[in-house]
């Protein structure tokens, strides 16, 4: 599972591990622990709905989704 950390959001993000090469793959997140680490258990992640969210939240989510998609060569 490829994970990217957003210090801006205090979360770790990944794409759906069942369909990581799907161009419409869903973005998932989990909060960072106080020590900056994060869970590696996908069951601790939640689906991120950012398309119609506030303007401060959505750009960072889009950036992370694009970076993950590039990393996985979608």
C-alpha atoms as a PDB file:
ATOM      1  CA  UNK A   1       0.000   0.000   0.000  1.00  0.00           C
ATOM      2  CA  UNK A   2       1.472   3.333  -1.083  1.00  0.00           C
ATOM      3  CA  UNK A   3       0.793   6.092   1.449  1.00  0.00           C
ATOM      4  CA  UNK A   4       1.368   9.851   1.329  1.00  0.00           C
ATOM      5  CA  UNK A   5       1.291  12.089   4.390  1.00  0.00           C
ATOM      6  CA  UNK A   6      -0.303  15.515   4.412  1.00  0.00           C
ATOM      7  CA  UNK A   7       1.039  17.583   7.278  1.00  0.00           C
ATOM      8  CA  UNK A   8      -1.510  20.235   6.265  1.00  0.00           C
ATOM      9  CA  UNK A   9      -4.368  17.846   7.062  1.00  0.00           C
ATOM     10  CA  UNK A  10      -2.576  15.735   9.671  1.00  0.00           C
ATOM     11  CA  UNK A  11      -3.528  12.610   7.757  1.00  0.00           C
ATOM     12  CA  UNK A  12      -2.063   9.753   5.760  1.00  0.00           C
ATOM     13  CA  UNK A  13      -3.673   9.011   2.396  1.00  0.00           C
ATOM     14  CA  UNK A  14      -3.806   6.035   0.071  1.00  0.00           C
ATOM     15  CA  UNK A  15      -5.849   4.788  -2.859  1.00  0.00           C
ATOM     16  CA  UNK A  16      -8.171   1.819  -2.667  1.00  0.00           C
ATOM     17  CA  UNK A  17      -5.762  -1.137  -2.508  1.00  0.00           C
ATOM     18  CA  UNK A  18      -8.264  -3.414  -4.282  1.00  0.00           C
ATOM     19  CA  UNK A  19      -8.258  -1.165  -7.366  1.00  0.00           C
ATOM     20  CA  UNK A  20      -5.032   0.889  -7.157  1.00  0.00           C
ATOM     21  CA  UNK A  21      -4.622   1.119 -10.933  1.00  0.00           C
ATOM     22  CA  UNK A  22      -8.160   2.332 -11.620  1.00  0.00           C
ATOM     23  CA  UNK A  23      -8.041   5.971 -12.747  1.00  0.00           C
ATOM     24  CA  UNK A  24     -11.173   6.606 -10.668  1.00  0.00           C
ATOM     25  CA  UNK A  25      -9.675   4.956  -7.589  1.00  0.00           C
ATOM     26  CA  UNK A  26     -11.078   6.302  -4.351  1.00  0.00           C
ATOM     27  CA  UNK A  27      -8.917   8.310  -1.961  1.00  0.00           C
ATOM     28  CA  UNK A  28      -8.775   7.053   1.638  1.00  0.00           C
ATOM     29  CA  UNK A  29      -7.316   8.687   4.752  1.00  0.00           C
ATOM     30  CA  UNK A  30      -6.440   7.961   8.347  1.00  0.00           C
ATOM     31  CA  UNK A  31      -5.328  10.457  11.008  1.00  0.00           C
ATOM     32  CA  UNK A  32      -1.692  10.672  11.988  1.00  0.00           C
ATOM     33  CA  UNK A  33      -0.783   9.590  15.497  1.00  0.00           C
ATOM     34  CA  UNK A  34       0.824  12.138  17.826  1.00  0.00           C
ATOM     35  CA  UNK A  35       4.274  10.794  16.954  1.00  0.00           C
ATOM     36  CA  UNK A  36       3.642  11.354  13.219  1.00  0.00           C
ATOM     37  CA  UNK A  37       3.146   7.679  12.389  1.00  0.00           C
ATOM     38  CA  UNK A  38      -0.032   6.193  10.930  1.00  0.00           C
ATOM     39  CA  UNK A  39      -1.885   2.902  10.744  1.00  0.00           C
ATOM     40  CA  UNK A  40      -0.869   0.458   8.044  1.00  0.00           C
ATOM     41  CA  UNK A  41      -4.177  -1.409   8.426  1.00  0.00           C
ATOM     42  CA  UNK A  42      -6.507  -0.382   5.592  1.00  0.00           C
ATOM     43  CA  UNK A  43      -9.507  -1.043   7.857  1.00  0.00           C
ATOM     44  CA  UNK A  44      -8.489   2.093   9.802  1.00  0.00           C
ATOM     45  CA  UNK A  45      -8.887   4.282   6.701  1.00  0.00           C
ATOM     46  CA  UNK A  46     -12.051   6.114   5.626  1.00  0.00           C
ATOM     47  CA  UNK A  47     -13.211   7.210   2.194  1.00  0.00           C
ATOM     48  CA  UNK A  48     -12.478  10.868   1.461  1.00  0.00           C
ATOM     49  CA  UNK A  49     -15.212  12.943  -0.206  1.00  0.00           C
ATOM     50  CA  UNK A  50     -13.462  16.073  -1.400  1.00  0.00           C
ATOM     51  CA  UNK A  51     -14.905  16.967  -4.803  1.00  0.00           C
ATOM     52  CA  UNK A  52     -17.611  19.265  -3.404  1.00  0.00           C
ATOM     53  CA  UNK A  53     -15.910  20.126  -0.111  1.00  0.00           C
ATOM     54  CA  UNK A  54     -14.648  23.508   1.037  1.00  0.00           C
ATOM     55  CA  UNK A  55     -12.035  25.223  -1.078  1.00  0.00           C
ATOM     56  CA  UNK A  56      -9.223  24.814   1.471  1.00  0.00           C
ATOM     57  CA  UNK A  57      -9.630  21.049   1.802  1.00  0.00           C
ATOM     58  CA  UNK A  58     -10.230  19.973  -1.803  1.00  0.00           C
ATOM     59  CA  UNK A  59      -7.001  21.204  -3.480  1.00  0.00           C
ATOM     60  CA  UNK A  60      -4.758  19.291  -1.080  1.00  0.00           C
ATOM     61  CA  UNK A  61      -6.852  16.119  -1.540  1.00  0.00           C
ATOM     62  CA  UNK A  62      -6.725  16.492  -5.332  1.00  0.00           C
ATOM     63  CA  UNK A  63      -2.952  17.020  -5.184  1.00  0.00           C
ATOM     64  CA  UNK A  64      -2.491  13.901  -3.069  1.00  0.00           C
ATOM     65  CA  UNK A  65      -4.784  11.824  -5.286  1.00  0.00           C
ATOM     66  CA  UNK A  66      -2.800  12.925  -8.352  1.00  0.00           C
ATOM     67  CA  UNK A  67       0.535  12.139  -6.667  1.00  0.00           C
ATOM     68  CA  UNK A  68      -0.657   8.694  -5.618  1.00  0.00           C
ATOM     69  CA  UNK A  69      -2.039   8.008  -9.090  1.00  0.00           C
ATOM     70  CA  UNK A  70       1.287   9.048 -10.625  1.00  0.00           C
ATOM     71  CA  UNK A  71       3.220   6.875  -8.171  1.00  0.00           C
ATOM     72  CA  UNK A  72       1.052   3.920  -9.129  1.00  0.00           C
ATOM     73  CA  UNK A  73       1.239   4.866 -12.838  1.00  0.00           C
ATOM     74  CA  UNK A  74      -2.500   5.228 -13.406  1.00  0.00           C
END
